Amino acid sequence: MNRYPRRTRAPFTLMLLLALAVTFAACGRSSAAKPPTPTATITSARAEAQLKQIVLQPADVGAGFTQDAGRALTNNDAAQARPDTAQALRQYADWGQVLAYNVGFSAPPTPGLVFNAKTARVTNSATLFNTATGANAALTYIQNLPSSTVADVLINEGAGTNVSDTQVTKQPDFPSVGDQSFAWRISGKATFTNGFSVNFVADAVFMRVGHVDGSVLATALGAAPERDQLEAFVQKFVQNARAHQ
C-alpha cells in the first residue's frame, strides 16, 4: 500500500502514467537535514516556457500519433494530493523543485494495436529544479521506492478503466542516458468500461539531464513495446533537455 494515500482517486486511464515521477516524489517524507543554501529561483512562467520546449514534440514522436495531453503541474498540485500538504511543500522546497510539464500522445485505437508490440501511447514528463543537486536528490528518491509503492499508483477503484495485477520490475539492461538514468517495466491487466480486458506493458525510463528530471513511457497492449522506438523517444528527450538548459 502507498505510504501516503491520496485524498481522492481519479478514474484510471493510461494517461495516469504521465505524472508518475511527480506523483512518486509526492509520496516521500521530508528530510530532517539542514535547509539548503538559498539559490536563485526560476519563475513559474519561465519554467513552463522552458519545459514546453524540453518535452517531446509531435515531430519527435512521429506520424500516426496525436497529442492529446499537455499541462503544467505545480508543486501545489502535487502537494494537494498528499494528506501532509505542508510537509510535501517543504520537501519540494528542499529539492528546489520548480514545475513539471506533462505531455501524452496516442496512436489511433485500432485492433492492430493489440498483441503486436506496437506502442499505443507515449507519455513524457519533465520536472525543472533550481539546481542539478536537487534534481539528483529527487530522482534518487524515486529510484529507491519499493515496487509495491510504484504499483499502487496504478491501482484504482473508481469508474472507468480498471487496472489490476500490477507488477513493477527493474530493467537493468536499458542503456544509460543523460547524466543518470534507470528503467522499469510496469505490467498488469486493464479492463475497459465495455468489459474488454487485455494485459498491458509500460516500459518507463527515468533520467536526469542537468537540472531537469524526466520520464518517458511507452505503453503497449498485449505485449511489451518495441525497444528501439522507446530508445529513440528517450534520446530525443535528452537532446531537447540539453538544448534548452
Foldseek 3Di string as FASTA:
>chain_A
DQPFAFPDFDADDPCLVQCLLLLLLLRDFADPDDADDDDDADALVRVLVLQVQLADDDVLLHPQKDKDDKDKAAQQNNLNRGPPSVRSVVRCNSLQWGIKMKIKIAGPPDPVQAQPQAFGMKMKMKTFGPFLVSQVVSVVSSVPDDQVNSQVSRADPDDFKGWDPKGKDWDVPQDADAPGKTKIKIKTWIAGPVGDIWIKIKIKMWDDHTRMIMIMITMGTHDHHDPVSSVSSVVSSNVSNVVRD
